[in-house]
Amino acid sequence: MQEKSDKYRIYYYIANYERKGEVNMVCKKCGSENIQVVQGSSKVKDVSILRTLGRWLLILCTAGLWLLVPKKKGTLKATTLAVCMNCGHKWKI
């Protein structure tokens, strides 16, 4: 009997989405609407090896003058997660 109500809940949200054009977040594991959005870990994306080799080539060709140009730093990339407050399931948004 529980399986029927879960299927009905999923179809209800799909119909709601098509009708209103907005998304209600639902846990994929338990079907709960009790969802909290949190910011996950932040990672610094490193500069590629090709860019580093090119920089060293320019330093050698310009007799060190290229050292006056500052290095490009890596970019910060943050992830956003949704967490179900009922079962603890996490997923990326």
Protein backbone atom coordinates (compact mmCIF):
# COMPACT_ATOMS: atom_id res chain seq x y z
CA MET A 1 0.00 0.00 0.00
CA GLN A 2 2.91 2.35 0.75
CA GLU A 3 4.21 1.92 -2.79
CA LYS A 4 0.95 3.23 -4.30
CA SER A 5 1.01 6.40 -2.25
CA ASP A 6 4.66 7.03 -3.22
CA LYS A 7 3.82 6.66 -6.90
CA TYR A 8 0.87 8.99 -6.49
CA ARG A 9 3.08 11.57 -4.76
CA ILE A 10 5.63 11.46 -7.59
CA TYR A 11 2.94 11.86 -10.27
CA TYR A 12 1.40 14.72 -8.30
CA TYR A 13 4.68 16.64 -8.27
CA ILE A 14 5.27 16.03 -11.96
CA ALA A 15 1.79 17.35 -12.75
CA ASN A 16 2.38 20.34 -10.46
CA TYR A 17 5.62 21.14 -12.24
CA GLU A 18 4.03 21.03 -15.68
CA ARG A 19 1.11 23.14 -14.57
CA LYS A 20 2.89 25.87 -12.59
CA GLY A 21 6.31 25.78 -14.18
CA GLU A 22 8.07 25.69 -10.83
CA VAL A 23 9.92 22.94 -9.03
CA ASN A 24 9.09 21.58 -5.58
CA MET A 25 12.17 19.84 -4.25
CA VAL A 26 11.46 16.31 -3.12
CA CYS A 27 13.86 13.76 -1.66
CA LYS A 28 14.49 10.95 -4.14
CA LYS A 29 14.87 8.44 -1.33
CA CYS A 30 11.91 9.09 0.97
CA GLY A 31 9.76 11.57 -1.00
CA SER A 32 9.83 14.19 1.76
CA GLU A 33 9.50 17.93 1.08
CA ASN A 34 11.55 18.79 4.17
CA ILE A 35 14.66 19.86 2.22
CA GLN A 36 17.37 22.31 3.25
CA VAL A 37 19.79 23.88 0.78
CA VAL A 38 23.36 24.25 2.06
CA GLN A 39 26.67 25.30 0.58
CA GLY A 40 29.04 22.38 0.26
CA SER A 41 32.81 22.36 0.19
CA SER A 42 34.70 24.94 -1.83
CA LYS A 43 37.57 23.83 -4.02
CA VAL A 44 40.26 25.88 -5.72
CA LYS A 45 40.59 24.85 -9.33
CA ASP A 46 44.30 24.84 -10.18
CA VAL A 47 45.90 26.50 -13.17
CA SER A 48 46.56 24.02 -15.97
CA ILE A 49 50.01 22.57 -16.65
CA LEU A 50 49.94 24.00 -20.17
CA ARG A 51 49.50 27.54 -18.83
CA THR A 52 52.38 26.99 -16.39
CA LEU A 53 54.69 25.69 -19.13
CA GLY A 54 53.77 28.64 -21.34
CA ARG A 55 54.58 31.06 -18.53
CA TRP A 56 58.01 29.49 -18.03
CA LEU A 57 58.67 29.65 -21.77
CA LEU A 58 57.85 33.37 -21.78
CA ILE A 59 60.10 33.93 -18.75
CA LEU A 60 63.01 32.28 -20.57
CA CYS A 61 62.38 34.13 -23.87
CA THR A 62 62.12 37.57 -22.24
CA ALA A 63 65.15 37.09 -19.98
CA GLY A 64 63.03 37.17 -16.84
CA LEU A 65 60.95 40.29 -17.63
CA TRP A 66 57.81 38.16 -17.67
CA LEU A 67 58.29 37.64 -13.91
CA LEU A 68 56.97 41.19 -13.45
CA VAL A 69 53.55 40.06 -14.73
CA PRO A 70 51.56 38.51 -11.84
CA LYS A 71 50.57 34.87 -11.99
CA LYS A 72 46.96 33.90 -12.59
CA LYS A 73 45.55 32.32 -9.48
CA GLY A 74 43.17 29.38 -9.46
CA THR A 75 39.42 29.93 -9.41
CA LEU A 76 37.24 29.11 -6.42
CA LYS A 77 34.43 26.67 -7.13
CA ALA A 78 31.70 26.12 -4.54
CA THR A 79 29.10 23.35 -4.65
CA THR A 80 25.48 23.66 -3.53
CA LEU A 81 23.86 20.67 -1.87
CA ALA A 82 20.30 19.79 -0.94
CA VAL A 83 19.90 17.78 2.27
CA CYS A 84 16.78 15.89 3.27
CA MET A 85 16.01 16.60 6.93
CA ASN A 86 14.09 13.32 7.33
CA CYS A 87 16.50 10.70 5.98
CA GLY A 88 19.78 12.65 5.55
CA HIS A 89 20.12 12.01 1.80
CA LYS A 90 22.36 14.61 0.03
CA TRP A 91 22.56 15.55 -3.63
CA LYS A 92 24.04 18.31 -5.79
CA ILE A 93 21.82 21.04 -7.14
